[in-house]
Amino acid sequence: MGKRAGAKRDEAAVGRFVERFALALSDDGVPRMPARVFVGLLVSEQETRTAAELAQQLQVSPAAISGAVRYLVQVGMVTRGREPGQRSDHYRVSSNAWYEALARRDQMLLRFEQGLREGIDAVGAESVAGLRLEETRQFFEFVRGEMPRLLAKWREQRAAKGQG
C-alpha cells in the first residue's frame, strides 16, 4: 500500500487518533496496551514494525510492547514474522483481523444467551423482568445467527476485490 499522491500526514492528529481509537477498543474489551499497539500498526506506513519501533512510536517500554503483541498474536489480530538475516521480530496487522475479532464474538454472544436463560429461570419467564431478559436473549440469538452470513459476505466481497 503506497501513500496517495498529495496526501499529507499530520503526526499530531495521528497520535490523537491512535489514543482515541485505542480507547474505543479498550472500552469494548481489548486491553489498553494491545489496543494502542494494534492501532499503532494500523496507522503505520510500513507493512511491518518491530517492537522497538512500536515502543518508540507509542512512547512506551519494550516490555509493554512484548506483552501487547503476545496478546494480539494469540487472538489473531497481529502476525509475527522475521525478515531473513534479522534478529528482530516484525509485526503486522493480520489481513483478517476484524474478521477474527467478530468471529470470536460468536462465543461471547452464546455465553450471553446461556447466562440470560439462567436469569429468566431465576426471575420467572412471565414476569416483566423475565420478558425483558427473554427479548434480550432473542436479540443475541438473532445476532449470533446472522454473524456467519455477514462474515461470509465479507469474504465474498474481499475475494471479488482480489483481497482474499
C-alpha atoms as a PDB file:
ATOM      1  CA  MET A   1       0.000   0.000   0.000  1.00  0.00           C
ATOM      2  CA  GLY A   2       1.601   3.209  -1.091  1.00  0.00           C
ATOM      3  CA  LYS A   3       0.900   6.703   0.001  1.00  0.00           C
ATOM      4  CA  ARG A   4      -1.668   8.553  -2.091  1.00  0.00           C
ATOM      5  CA  ALA A   5      -0.316  11.412  -4.130  1.00  0.00           C
ATOM      6  CA  GLY A   6      -0.774  14.686  -2.294  1.00  0.00           C
ATOM      7  CA  ALA A   7      -1.745  13.036   0.989  1.00  0.00           C
ATOM      8  CA  LYS A   8      -0.243  14.852   3.979  1.00  0.00           C
ATOM      9  CA  ARG A   9       0.281  13.143   7.301  1.00  0.00           C
ATOM     10  CA  ASP A  10      -0.369  15.185  10.441  1.00  0.00           C
ATOM     11  CA  GLU A  11       1.599  13.302  13.107  1.00  0.00           C
ATOM     12  CA  ALA A  12      -0.088  15.130  15.992  1.00  0.00           C
ATOM     13  CA  ALA A  13      -3.518  14.186  14.603  1.00  0.00           C
ATOM     14  CA  VAL A  14      -2.307  10.624  14.037  1.00  0.00           C
ATOM     15  CA  GLY A  15      -1.202  10.430  17.679  1.00  0.00           C
ATOM     16  CA  ARG A  16      -4.577  11.694  18.876  1.00  0.00           C
ATOM     17  CA  PHE A  17      -6.341   9.196  16.623  1.00  0.00           C
ATOM     18  CA  VAL A  18      -4.236   6.320  17.981  1.00  0.00           C
ATOM     19  CA  GLU A  19      -5.149   7.197  21.555  1.00  0.00           C
ATOM     20  CA  ARG A  20      -8.848   7.785  20.857  1.00  0.00           C
ATOM     21  CA  PHE A  21      -9.375   4.682  18.741  1.00  0.00           C
ATOM     22  CA  ALA A  22      -7.374   2.571  21.206  1.00  0.00           C
ATOM     23  CA  LEU A  23      -9.609   3.894  23.983  1.00  0.00           C
ATOM     24  CA  ALA A  24     -12.690   2.893  21.966  1.00  0.00           C
ATOM     25  CA  LEU A  25     -11.250  -0.604  21.517  1.00  0.00           C
ATOM     26  CA  SER A  26     -10.407  -0.865  25.201  1.00  0.00           C
ATOM     27  CA  ASP A  27     -13.912   0.299  26.118  1.00  0.00           C
ATOM     28  CA  ASP A  28     -15.073  -2.684  24.067  1.00  0.00           C
ATOM     29  CA  GLY A  29     -12.854  -5.160  25.903  1.00  0.00           C
ATOM     30  CA  VAL A  30      -9.434  -5.071  24.225  1.00  0.00           C
ATOM     31  CA  PRO A  31      -6.764  -4.492  26.887  1.00  0.00           C
ATOM     32  CA  ARG A  32      -5.392  -0.956  26.730  1.00  0.00           C
ATOM     33  CA  MET A  33      -1.795  -1.580  25.620  1.00  0.00           C
ATOM     34  CA  PRO A  34      -2.703  -4.191  22.978  1.00  0.00           C
ATOM     35  CA  ALA A  35      -5.301  -1.721  21.682  1.00  0.00           C
ATOM     36  CA  ARG A  36      -2.649   1.009  21.390  1.00  0.00           C
ATOM     37  CA  VAL A  37      -0.209  -1.335  19.641  1.00  0.00           C
ATOM     38  CA  PHE A  38      -2.887  -2.554  17.240  1.00  0.00           C
ATOM     39  CA  VAL A  39      -3.881   0.979  16.272  1.00  0.00           C
ATOM     40  CA  GLY A  40      -0.209   1.933  16.025  1.00  0.00           C
ATOM     41  CA  LEU A  41       0.209  -0.840  13.464  1.00  0.00           C
ATOM     42  CA  LEU A  42      -2.931   0.254  11.627  1.00  0.00           C
ATOM     43  CA  VAL A  43      -1.625   3.782  11.126  1.00  0.00           C
ATOM     44  CA  SER A  44       1.898   2.748  10.144  1.00  0.00           C
ATOM     45  CA  GLU A  45       3.002   3.496   6.597  1.00  0.00           C
ATOM     46  CA  GLN A  46       5.273   0.435   6.819  1.00  0.00           C
ATOM     47  CA  GLU A  47       3.766  -3.029   6.366  1.00  0.00           C
ATOM     48  CA  THR A  48       5.610  -4.289   9.447  1.00  0.00           C
ATOM     49  CA  ARG A  49       7.026  -2.769  12.609  1.00  0.00           C
ATOM     50  CA  THR A  50       9.488  -4.110  15.171  1.00  0.00           C
ATOM     51  CA  ALA A  51       8.818  -3.984  18.897  1.00  0.00           C
ATOM     52  CA  ALA A  52      11.467  -1.247  19.208  1.00  0.00           C
ATOM     53  CA  GLU A  53       9.769   0.830  16.515  1.00  0.00           C
ATOM     54  CA  LEU A  54       6.386   0.389  18.195  1.00  0.00           C
ATOM     55  CA  ALA A  55       7.850   1.319  21.593  1.00  0.00           C
ATOM     56  CA  GLN A  56       9.315   4.499  20.116  1.00  0.00           C
ATOM     57  CA  GLN A  57       6.111   5.339  18.233  1.00  0.00           C
ATOM     58  CA  LEU A  58       3.900   4.872  21.291  1.00  0.00           C
ATOM     59  CA  GLN A  59       6.493   6.192  23.787  1.00  0.00           C
ATOM     60  CA  VAL A  60       6.328   3.099  25.993  1.00  0.00           C
ATOM     61  CA  SER A  61       8.784   0.476  27.188  1.00  0.00           C
ATOM     62  CA  PRO A  62       9.721  -2.523  25.033  1.00  0.00           C
ATOM     63  CA  ALA A  63       8.336  -4.752  27.820  1.00  0.00           C
ATOM     64  CA  ALA A  64       4.901  -3.185  27.371  1.00  0.00           C
ATOM     65  CA  ILE A  65       5.082  -3.899  23.645  1.00  0.00           C
ATOM     66  CA  SER A  66       6.134  -7.502  24.259  1.00  0.00           C
ATOM     67  CA  GLY A  67       3.059  -8.325  26.321  1.00  0.00           C
ATOM     68  CA  ALA A  68       0.779  -6.442  23.957  1.00  0.00           C
ATOM     69  CA  VAL A  69       1.975  -8.188  20.802  1.00  0.00           C
ATOM     70  CA  ARG A  70       1.817 -11.572  22.544  1.00  0.00           C
ATOM     71  CA  TYR A  71      -1.869 -10.911  23.250  1.00  0.00           C
ATOM     72  CA  LEU A  72      -2.549  -9.627  19.716  1.00  0.00           C
ATOM     73  CA  VAL A  73      -0.857 -12.642  18.116  1.00  0.00           C
ATOM     74  CA  GLN A  74      -2.829 -15.036  20.355  1.00  0.00           C
ATOM     75  CA  VAL A  75      -6.163 -13.508  19.346  1.00  0.00           C
ATOM     76  CA  GLY A  76      -5.240 -13.426  15.649  1.00  0.00           C
ATOM     77  CA  MET A  77      -5.228  -9.660  15.165  1.00  0.00           C
ATOM     78  CA  VAL A  78      -1.485  -9.429  14.504  1.00  0.00           C
ATOM     79  CA  THR A  79       1.001 -11.780  12.894  1.00  0.00           C
ATOM     80  CA  ARG A  80       4.653 -12.102  13.798  1.00  0.00           C
ATOM     81  CA  GLY A  81       7.440 -12.758  11.334  1.00  0.00           C
ATOM     82  CA  ARG A  82      11.142 -12.316  10.918  1.00  0.00           C
ATOM     83  CA  GLU A  83      12.974 -10.914   7.937  1.00  0.00           C
ATOM     84  CA  PRO A  84      15.848 -13.076   6.656  1.00  0.00           C
ATOM     85  CA  GLY A  85      19.102 -12.153   8.354  1.00  0.00           C
ATOM     86  CA  GLN A  86      17.444 -10.046  11.062  1.00  0.00           C
ATOM     87  CA  ARG A  87      17.194 -10.819  14.757  1.00  0.00           C
ATOM     88  CA  SER A  88      14.082  -8.757  15.488  1.00  0.00           C
ATOM     89  CA  ASP A  89      10.544  -9.971  15.046  1.00  0.00           C
ATOM     90  CA  HIS A  90       8.339  -7.874  12.809  1.00  0.00           C
ATOM     91  CA  TYR A  91       4.631  -7.420  13.462  1.00  0.00           C
ATOM     92  CA  ARG A  92       1.820  -6.661  11.043  1.00  0.00           C
ATOM     93  CA  VAL A  93      -1.944  -6.374  11.239  1.00  0.00           C
ATOM     94  CA  SER A  94      -3.483  -9.671  10.164  1.00  0.00           C
ATOM     95  CA  SER A  95      -5.326  -9.395   6.877  1.00  0.00           C
ATOM     96  CA  ASN A  96      -8.373 -10.848   8.598  1.00  0.00           C
ATOM     97  CA  ALA A  97      -8.010  -9.095  11.975  1.00  0.00           C
ATOM     98  CA  TRP A  98     -11.539  -7.708  12.091  1.00  0.00           C
ATOM     99  CA  TYR A  99     -12.992 -10.966  10.800  1.00  0.00           C
ATOM    100  CA  GLU A 100     -11.255 -12.840  13.616  1.00  0.00           C
ATOM    101  CA  ALA A 101     -12.418 -10.313  16.193  1.00  0.00           C
ATOM    102  CA  LEU A 102     -16.041 -10.651  15.084  1.00  0.00           C
ATOM    103  CA  ALA A 103     -15.838 -14.421  14.819  1.00  0.00           C
ATOM    104  CA  ARG A 104     -14.747 -14.538  18.486  1.00  0.00           C
ATOM    105  CA  ARG A 105     -17.845 -12.513  19.340  1.00  0.00           C
ATOM    106  CA  ASP A 106     -19.916 -15.551  18.395  1.00  0.00           C
ATOM    107  CA  GLN A 107     -18.750 -17.360  21.534  1.00  0.00           C
ATOM    108  CA  MET A 108     -19.377 -14.269  23.634  1.00  0.00           C
ATOM    109  CA  LEU A 109     -22.932 -13.991  22.297  1.00  0.00           C
ATOM    110  CA  LEU A 110     -23.545 -17.665  23.060  1.00  0.00           C
ATOM    111  CA  ARG A 111     -22.359 -17.128  26.647  1.00  0.00           C
ATOM    112  CA  PHE A 112     -24.710 -14.139  26.928  1.00  0.00           C
ATOM    113  CA  GLU A 113     -27.623 -16.244  25.689  1.00  0.00           C
ATOM    114  CA  GLN A 114     -26.858 -19.013  28.162  1.00  0.00           C
ATOM    115  CA  GLY A 115     -26.470 -16.546  31.018  1.00  0.00           C
ATOM    116  CA  LEU A 116     -29.749 -14.872  30.136  1.00  0.00           C
ATOM    117  CA  ARG A 117     -31.547 -18.228  30.237  1.00  0.00           C
ATOM    118  CA  GLU A 118     -30.366 -18.605  33.822  1.00  0.00           C
ATOM    119  CA  GLY A 119     -31.650 -15.127  34.626  1.00  0.00           C
ATOM    120  CA  ILE A 120     -35.026 -15.888  33.007  1.00  0.00           C
ATOM    121  CA  ASP A 121     -35.362 -19.016  35.122  1.00  0.00           C
ATOM    122  CA  ALA A 122     -34.444 -17.038  38.243  1.00  0.00           C
ATOM    123  CA  VAL A 123     -36.930 -14.191  37.768  1.00  0.00           C
ATOM    124  CA  GLY A 124     -39.694 -16.205  36.110  1.00  0.00           C
ATOM    125  CA  ALA A 125     -40.313 -16.316  32.365  1.00  0.00           C
ATOM    126  CA  GLU A 126     -43.668 -14.493  32.552  1.00  0.00           C
ATOM    127  CA  SER A 127     -42.531 -11.694  34.849  1.00  0.00           C
ATOM    128  CA  VAL A 128     -41.784  -8.219  33.492  1.00  0.00           C
ATOM    129  CA  ALA A 129     -38.062  -8.818  34.088  1.00  0.00           C
ATOM    130  CA  GLY A 130     -38.308 -12.298  32.550  1.00  0.00           C
ATOM    131  CA  LEU A 131     -39.914 -10.923  29.385  1.00  0.00           C
ATOM    132  CA  ARG A 132     -37.233  -8.225  29.170  1.00  0.00           C
ATOM    133  CA  LEU A 133     -34.470 -10.795  29.630  1.00  0.00           C
ATOM    134  CA  GLU A 134     -36.067 -13.053  27.002  1.00  0.00           C
ATOM    135  CA  GLU A 135     -36.181 -10.216  24.480  1.00  0.00           C
ATOM    136  CA  THR A 136     -32.500  -9.545  25.162  1.00  0.00           C
ATOM    137  CA  ARG A 137     -31.693 -13.249  24.777  1.00  0.00           C
ATOM    138  CA  GLN A 138     -33.576 -13.348  21.473  1.00  0.00           C
ATOM    139  CA  PHE A 139     -31.607 -10.340  20.240  1.00  0.00           C
ATOM    140  CA  PHE A 140     -28.279 -12.033  20.974  1.00  0.00           C
ATOM    141  CA  GLU A 141     -29.554 -15.247  19.382  1.00  0.00           C
ATOM    142  CA  PHE A 142     -30.530 -13.271  16.262  1.00  0.00           C
ATOM    143  CA  VAL A 143     -27.167 -11.501  16.013  1.00  0.00           C
ATOM    144  CA  ARG A 144     -25.305 -14.779  16.537  1.00  0.00           C
ATOM    145  CA  GLY A 145     -27.426 -16.408  13.817  1.00  0.00           C
ATOM    146  CA  GLU A 146     -26.693 -13.591  11.363  1.00  0.00           C
ATOM    147  CA  MET A 147     -22.958 -13.447  12.053  1.00  0.00           C
ATOM    148  CA  PRO A 148     -21.960 -16.384   9.784  1.00  0.00           C
ATOM    149  CA  ARG A 149     -23.834 -14.852   6.827  1.00  0.00           C
ATOM    150  CA  LEU A 150     -22.320 -11.451   7.469  1.00  0.00           C
ATOM    151  CA  LEU A 151     -18.799 -12.861   7.655  1.00  0.00           C
ATOM    152  CA  ALA A 152     -19.381 -14.950   4.505  1.00  0.00           C
ATOM    153  CA  LYS A 153     -20.479 -11.809   2.651  1.00  0.00           C
ATOM    154  CA  TRP A 154     -17.310 -10.078   3.801  1.00  0.00           C
ATOM    155  CA  ARG A 155     -15.151 -12.951   2.497  1.00  0.00           C
ATOM    156  CA  GLU A 156     -17.013 -12.799  -0.844  1.00  0.00           C
ATOM    157  CA  GLN A 157     -16.502  -9.040  -1.088  1.00  0.00           C
ATOM    158  CA  ARG A 158     -12.783  -9.360  -0.370  1.00  0.00           C
ATOM    159  CA  ALA A 159     -12.438 -12.152  -2.917  1.00  0.00           C
ATOM    160  CA  ALA A 160     -14.269 -10.077  -5.549  1.00  0.00           C
ATOM    161  CA  LYS A 161     -11.766  -7.266  -4.964  1.00  0.00           C
ATOM    162  CA  GLY A 162      -8.862  -9.690  -5.178  1.00  0.00           C
ATOM    163  CA  GLN A 163      -8.056  -9.261  -1.476  1.00  0.00           C
ATOM    164  CA  GLY A 164      -8.988 -12.635  -0.162  1.00  0.00           C
END
